N, C-alpha and C. Protein backbone atom coordinates (compact mmCIF):
# COMPACT_ATOMS: atom_id res chain seq x y z
N MET A 1 1.61 -1.35 21.62
CA MET A 1 1.36 -1.07 20.22
C MET A 1 2.47 -0.18 19.68
N ASP A 2 3.03 -0.54 18.51
CA ASP A 2 4.12 0.27 17.97
C ASP A 2 3.56 1.46 17.21
N ALA A 3 4.30 2.57 17.28
CA ALA A 3 3.88 3.78 16.58
C ALA A 3 4.30 3.69 15.12
N ARG A 4 3.43 4.16 14.24
CA ARG A 4 3.77 4.18 12.82
C ARG A 4 4.83 5.25 12.59
N ARG A 5 5.83 4.89 11.80
CA ARG A 5 6.91 5.82 11.51
C ARG A 5 6.70 6.55 10.20
N GLU A 6 5.87 6.03 9.33
CA GLU A 6 5.66 6.64 8.02
C GLU A 6 4.24 7.15 7.90
N ARG A 7 4.10 8.19 7.11
CA ARG A 7 2.76 8.71 6.82
C ARG A 7 2.06 7.74 5.87
N ARG A 8 0.82 7.44 6.16
CA ARG A 8 0.03 6.57 5.28
C ARG A 8 -0.82 7.45 4.39
N LEU A 9 -0.83 7.09 3.12
CA LEU A 9 -1.54 7.86 2.12
C LEU A 9 -2.81 7.13 1.70
N PHE A 10 -3.90 7.87 1.57
CA PHE A 10 -5.14 7.28 1.09
C PHE A 10 -5.01 7.03 -0.41
N VAL A 11 -5.27 5.80 -0.82
CA VAL A 11 -5.23 5.42 -2.23
C VAL A 11 -6.42 4.52 -2.51
N GLN A 12 -6.68 4.25 -3.75
CA GLN A 12 -7.70 3.28 -4.17
C GLN A 12 -7.11 2.56 -5.37
N CYS A 13 -6.28 1.55 -5.10
CA CYS A 13 -5.55 0.85 -6.15
C CYS A 13 -5.90 -0.63 -6.16
N PRO A 14 -6.14 -1.19 -7.34
CA PRO A 14 -6.36 -2.63 -7.42
C PRO A 14 -5.08 -3.37 -7.00
N ILE A 15 -5.29 -4.51 -6.38
CA ILE A 15 -4.14 -5.29 -5.91
C ILE A 15 -4.44 -6.78 -6.13
N SER A 16 -3.41 -7.51 -6.54
CA SER A 16 -3.49 -8.96 -6.67
C SER A 16 -2.79 -9.56 -5.47
N ILE A 17 -3.42 -10.55 -4.87
CA ILE A 17 -2.94 -11.16 -3.63
C ILE A 17 -2.74 -12.64 -3.86
N GLN A 18 -1.53 -13.12 -3.61
CA GLN A 18 -1.26 -14.55 -3.75
C GLN A 18 -0.78 -15.09 -2.41
N GLY A 19 -1.45 -16.15 -1.97
CA GLY A 19 -1.09 -16.78 -0.71
C GLY A 19 -1.37 -18.26 -0.76
N ASN A 20 -1.41 -18.91 0.39
CA ASN A 20 -1.65 -20.35 0.47
C ASN A 20 -3.02 -20.74 -0.08
N GLN A 21 -3.98 -19.82 -0.05
CA GLN A 21 -5.33 -20.11 -0.50
C GLN A 21 -5.52 -19.81 -1.99
N GLY A 22 -4.44 -19.47 -2.70
CA GLY A 22 -4.53 -19.15 -4.12
C GLY A 22 -4.42 -17.66 -4.37
N VAL A 23 -4.98 -17.23 -5.50
CA VAL A 23 -4.89 -15.83 -5.91
C VAL A 23 -6.23 -15.15 -5.69
N SER A 24 -6.19 -13.95 -5.11
CA SER A 24 -7.38 -13.14 -4.88
C SER A 24 -7.09 -11.73 -5.36
N SER A 25 -8.13 -10.93 -5.37
CA SER A 25 -7.95 -9.52 -5.70
C SER A 25 -8.53 -8.68 -4.59
N GLY A 26 -8.19 -7.42 -4.60
CA GLY A 26 -8.69 -6.51 -3.59
C GLY A 26 -8.36 -5.09 -3.96
N VAL A 27 -8.54 -4.21 -2.99
CA VAL A 27 -8.24 -2.79 -3.17
C VAL A 27 -7.33 -2.35 -2.04
N LEU A 28 -6.19 -1.80 -2.42
CA LEU A 28 -5.28 -1.19 -1.45
C LEU A 28 -5.85 0.17 -1.13
N PHE A 29 -6.16 0.44 0.16
CA PHE A 29 -6.80 1.72 0.47
C PHE A 29 -5.94 2.65 1.30
N ASN A 30 -4.80 2.21 1.79
CA ASN A 30 -3.80 3.15 2.27
C ASN A 30 -2.43 2.54 2.08
N LEU A 31 -1.43 3.40 2.00
CA LEU A 31 -0.10 2.98 1.57
C LEU A 31 0.97 3.80 2.26
N SER A 32 2.03 3.14 2.64
CA SER A 32 3.26 3.79 3.08
C SER A 32 4.41 2.98 2.52
N SER A 33 5.62 3.44 2.72
CA SER A 33 6.76 2.69 2.19
C SER A 33 6.94 1.36 2.92
N GLY A 34 6.35 1.22 4.10
CA GLY A 34 6.52 -0.01 4.87
C GLY A 34 5.36 -0.96 4.84
N GLY A 35 4.23 -0.55 4.24
CA GLY A 35 3.08 -1.44 4.24
C GLY A 35 1.82 -0.73 3.77
N GLY A 36 0.69 -1.34 4.08
CA GLY A 36 -0.57 -0.75 3.66
C GLY A 36 -1.75 -1.50 4.23
N ALA A 37 -2.94 -1.07 3.82
CA ALA A 37 -4.17 -1.71 4.24
C ALA A 37 -4.96 -2.09 2.99
N ILE A 38 -5.58 -3.26 3.05
CA ILE A 38 -6.24 -3.86 1.89
C ILE A 38 -7.66 -4.26 2.27
N GLU A 39 -8.58 -4.05 1.33
CA GLU A 39 -9.93 -4.60 1.45
C GLU A 39 -10.04 -5.74 0.44
N SER A 40 -10.36 -6.93 0.93
CA SER A 40 -10.43 -8.09 0.06
C SER A 40 -11.17 -9.21 0.78
N GLY A 41 -11.77 -10.08 0.01
CA GLY A 41 -12.38 -11.28 0.56
C GLY A 41 -11.39 -12.41 0.76
N ALA A 42 -10.10 -12.12 0.57
CA ALA A 42 -9.06 -13.16 0.73
C ALA A 42 -9.08 -13.70 2.16
N HIS A 43 -8.89 -14.99 2.29
CA HIS A 43 -8.85 -15.63 3.60
C HIS A 43 -7.43 -15.55 4.15
N VAL A 44 -7.22 -14.62 5.08
CA VAL A 44 -5.90 -14.43 5.68
C VAL A 44 -6.04 -14.38 7.19
N GLN A 45 -4.91 -14.61 7.86
CA GLN A 45 -4.82 -14.50 9.31
C GLN A 45 -3.58 -13.69 9.62
N CYS A 46 -3.51 -13.16 10.83
CA CYS A 46 -2.29 -12.46 11.24
C CYS A 46 -1.11 -13.42 11.12
N GLY A 47 -0.04 -12.93 10.52
CA GLY A 47 1.14 -13.75 10.31
C GLY A 47 1.22 -14.39 8.94
N THR A 48 0.11 -14.43 8.21
CA THR A 48 0.12 -14.99 6.86
C THR A 48 1.09 -14.20 5.99
N ILE A 49 1.88 -14.90 5.19
CA ILE A 49 2.81 -14.26 4.25
C ILE A 49 2.18 -14.31 2.86
N LEU A 50 2.13 -13.15 2.21
CA LEU A 50 1.51 -13.01 0.89
C LEU A 50 2.50 -12.43 -0.11
N THR A 51 2.23 -12.66 -1.38
CA THR A 51 2.89 -11.94 -2.47
C THR A 51 1.85 -10.99 -3.04
N LEU A 52 2.23 -9.73 -3.23
CA LEU A 52 1.29 -8.72 -3.69
C LEU A 52 1.76 -8.10 -5.00
N ARG A 53 0.81 -7.75 -5.83
CA ARG A 53 1.08 -6.95 -7.03
C ARG A 53 0.17 -5.74 -6.94
N VAL A 54 0.80 -4.58 -6.71
CA VAL A 54 0.08 -3.32 -6.51
C VAL A 54 0.02 -2.58 -7.84
N HIS A 55 -1.19 -2.33 -8.32
CA HIS A 55 -1.39 -1.67 -9.61
C HIS A 55 -1.65 -0.19 -9.37
N LEU A 56 -0.57 0.60 -9.38
CA LEU A 56 -0.68 2.04 -9.16
C LEU A 56 -0.95 2.74 -10.49
N PRO A 57 -1.87 3.71 -10.52
CA PRO A 57 -2.25 4.33 -11.79
C PRO A 57 -1.11 5.04 -12.51
N SER A 58 -0.11 5.49 -11.78
CA SER A 58 0.98 6.23 -12.41
C SER A 58 2.06 5.32 -12.99
N LEU A 59 1.93 4.00 -12.81
CA LEU A 59 2.94 3.06 -13.29
C LEU A 59 2.36 2.11 -14.32
N LYS A 60 3.14 1.81 -15.35
CA LYS A 60 2.69 0.86 -16.37
C LYS A 60 2.67 -0.56 -15.84
N GLN A 61 3.68 -0.91 -15.03
CA GLN A 61 3.79 -2.25 -14.46
C GLN A 61 3.51 -2.20 -12.96
N PRO A 62 2.84 -3.22 -12.42
CA PRO A 62 2.58 -3.23 -10.97
C PRO A 62 3.87 -3.38 -10.17
N ILE A 63 3.82 -2.92 -8.95
CA ILE A 63 4.93 -3.14 -8.02
C ILE A 63 4.69 -4.49 -7.36
N GLU A 64 5.71 -5.35 -7.40
CA GLU A 64 5.58 -6.67 -6.78
C GLU A 64 6.27 -6.67 -5.42
N VAL A 65 5.48 -6.98 -4.41
CA VAL A 65 6.00 -7.16 -3.05
C VAL A 65 6.15 -8.66 -2.87
N GLN A 66 7.40 -9.12 -2.80
CA GLN A 66 7.66 -10.56 -2.75
C GLN A 66 7.11 -11.21 -1.49
N GLN A 67 7.23 -10.50 -0.36
CA GLN A 67 6.68 -11.01 0.89
C GLN A 67 6.07 -9.87 1.69
N ALA A 68 4.80 -10.03 2.03
CA ALA A 68 4.09 -9.08 2.89
C ALA A 68 3.43 -9.88 4.00
N ALA A 69 3.64 -9.47 5.24
CA ALA A 69 3.07 -10.18 6.38
C ALA A 69 1.80 -9.48 6.85
N VAL A 70 0.74 -10.26 7.05
CA VAL A 70 -0.51 -9.71 7.57
C VAL A 70 -0.30 -9.37 9.04
N THR A 71 -0.57 -8.12 9.41
CA THR A 71 -0.34 -7.65 10.78
C THR A 71 -1.62 -7.46 11.58
N TRP A 72 -2.75 -7.27 10.89
CA TRP A 72 -4.04 -7.16 11.56
C TRP A 72 -5.15 -7.51 10.58
N LYS A 73 -6.31 -7.86 11.11
CA LYS A 73 -7.46 -8.20 10.27
C LYS A 73 -8.73 -7.75 10.98
N ALA A 74 -9.64 -7.12 10.20
CA ALA A 74 -10.94 -6.69 10.73
C ALA A 74 -11.96 -6.83 9.59
N GLY A 75 -12.79 -7.85 9.65
CA GLY A 75 -13.74 -8.10 8.57
C GLY A 75 -13.01 -8.41 7.28
N ASP A 76 -13.33 -7.67 6.22
CA ASP A 76 -12.66 -7.87 4.93
C ASP A 76 -11.41 -7.01 4.78
N ASP A 77 -11.06 -6.25 5.80
CA ASP A 77 -9.88 -5.39 5.75
C ASP A 77 -8.73 -6.04 6.51
N PHE A 78 -7.52 -5.84 6.01
CA PHE A 78 -6.34 -6.31 6.73
C PHE A 78 -5.14 -5.44 6.39
N GLY A 79 -4.21 -5.40 7.33
CA GLY A 79 -2.99 -4.62 7.14
C GLY A 79 -1.83 -5.53 6.83
N VAL A 80 -0.89 -5.01 6.04
CA VAL A 80 0.31 -5.77 5.71
C VAL A 80 1.56 -4.92 5.94
N GLN A 81 2.61 -5.61 6.31
CA GLN A 81 3.95 -5.01 6.39
C GLN A 81 4.76 -5.59 5.25
N PHE A 82 5.42 -4.72 4.49
CA PHE A 82 6.25 -5.19 3.39
C PHE A 82 7.55 -5.75 3.97
N VAL A 83 7.69 -7.07 3.91
CA VAL A 83 8.84 -7.75 4.49
C VAL A 83 9.97 -7.86 3.47
N GLN A 84 9.63 -8.24 2.25
CA GLN A 84 10.64 -8.40 1.21
C GLN A 84 10.17 -7.71 -0.06
N LEU A 85 10.96 -6.71 -0.44
CA LEU A 85 10.65 -5.91 -1.62
C LEU A 85 11.98 -5.62 -2.29
N GLY A 86 12.14 -6.03 -3.56
CA GLY A 86 13.40 -5.83 -4.27
C GLY A 86 13.80 -4.37 -4.32
N ALA A 87 15.07 -4.12 -4.51
CA ALA A 87 15.60 -2.75 -4.51
C ALA A 87 14.93 -1.88 -5.58
N GLU A 88 14.76 -2.42 -6.78
CA GLU A 88 14.13 -1.66 -7.86
C GLU A 88 12.66 -1.37 -7.53
N GLU A 89 11.97 -2.37 -6.97
CA GLU A 89 10.57 -2.18 -6.60
C GLU A 89 10.44 -1.16 -5.48
N ARG A 90 11.34 -1.22 -4.50
CA ARG A 90 11.31 -0.25 -3.39
C ARG A 90 11.53 1.16 -3.93
N GLU A 91 12.45 1.31 -4.87
CA GLU A 91 12.73 2.61 -5.47
C GLU A 91 11.49 3.14 -6.20
N ARG A 92 10.83 2.28 -6.96
CA ARG A 92 9.61 2.68 -7.67
C ARG A 92 8.51 3.10 -6.68
N LEU A 93 8.34 2.31 -5.61
CA LEU A 93 7.34 2.62 -4.59
C LEU A 93 7.65 3.96 -3.92
N ASN A 94 8.88 4.16 -3.53
CA ASN A 94 9.26 5.41 -2.86
C ASN A 94 9.05 6.62 -3.77
N LYS A 95 9.30 6.46 -5.06
CA LYS A 95 9.10 7.55 -6.02
C LYS A 95 7.61 7.90 -6.12
N VAL A 96 6.75 6.90 -6.18
CA VAL A 96 5.31 7.13 -6.24
C VAL A 96 4.85 7.87 -4.98
N ILE A 97 5.31 7.41 -3.81
CA ILE A 97 4.92 8.04 -2.54
C ILE A 97 5.42 9.48 -2.50
N GLU A 98 6.66 9.69 -2.91
CA GLU A 98 7.23 11.05 -2.95
C GLU A 98 6.39 11.96 -3.85
N ASP A 99 6.02 11.47 -5.02
CA ASP A 99 5.20 12.26 -5.95
C ASP A 99 3.82 12.56 -5.34
N MET A 100 3.23 11.58 -4.65
CA MET A 100 1.93 11.80 -4.01
C MET A 100 2.03 12.86 -2.92
N LEU A 101 3.09 12.79 -2.11
CA LEU A 101 3.28 13.76 -1.04
C LEU A 101 3.49 15.17 -1.60
N LYS A 102 4.24 15.27 -2.70
CA LYS A 102 4.43 16.58 -3.33
C LYS A 102 3.10 17.13 -3.82
N GLY A 103 2.25 16.28 -4.37
CA GLY A 103 0.93 16.71 -4.83
C GLY A 103 0.07 17.21 -3.68
N ILE A 104 0.12 16.51 -2.54
CA ILE A 104 -0.64 16.92 -1.36
C ILE A 104 -0.14 18.28 -0.87
N GLU A 105 1.20 18.45 -0.82
CA GLU A 105 1.77 19.72 -0.36
C GLU A 105 1.38 20.86 -1.29
N ARG A 106 1.39 20.61 -2.61
CA ARG A 106 0.98 21.65 -3.57
C ARG A 106 -0.48 22.04 -3.35
N ASN A 107 -1.34 21.03 -3.16
CA ASN A 107 -2.77 21.30 -2.93
C ASN A 107 -2.99 22.09 -1.65
N GLN A 108 -2.26 21.74 -0.59
CA GLN A 108 -2.40 22.46 0.67
C GLN A 108 -1.92 23.90 0.53
N ALA A 109 -0.81 24.10 -0.16
CA ALA A 109 -0.28 25.45 -0.38
C ALA A 109 -1.27 26.26 -1.21
N HIS A 110 -1.84 25.66 -2.25
CA HIS A 110 -2.81 26.33 -3.11
C HIS A 110 -4.04 26.74 -2.30
N ARG A 111 -4.49 25.83 -1.42
CA ARG A 111 -5.67 26.11 -0.59
C ARG A 111 -5.40 27.26 0.37
N ARG A 112 -4.19 27.28 0.98
CA ARG A 112 -3.84 28.37 1.92
C ARG A 112 -3.82 29.71 1.21
N ILE A 113 -3.32 29.73 -0.03
CA ILE A 113 -3.25 30.98 -0.79
C ILE A 113 -4.67 31.50 -1.06
N HIS A 114 -5.57 30.61 -1.41
CA HIS A 114 -6.93 31.03 -1.76
C HIS A 114 -7.80 31.31 -0.54
N GLU A 115 -7.40 30.80 0.63
CA GLU A 115 -8.15 31.08 1.85
C GLU A 115 -7.70 32.39 2.49
N ALA A 116 -6.52 32.86 2.13
CA ALA A 116 -5.97 34.09 2.74
C ALA A 116 -6.65 35.33 2.25
């Protein structure tokens, strides 16, 4: 089993999923720059290639992942690796993740100050 290199962030974002079975919707429930985990009734198998549109609350337009490979499946949950993501989309995704991490760090620092 390979070790994850990126921190995964808990999110609750609507996502549009397009694959061989048509278009479905779901909820992205964790996210990193390299992939994420989705809850959806979409019919997928490991190795399935999907196109995703991630609707992040801080962005007006969704981030489009041109190719995401399903890496695991458990019930209605499945993981994806972002295989093909345009440079502009990757930059937007990385900015959102960076902003989320800064928010977490601020909250942790605030909590430590008030616990001291």
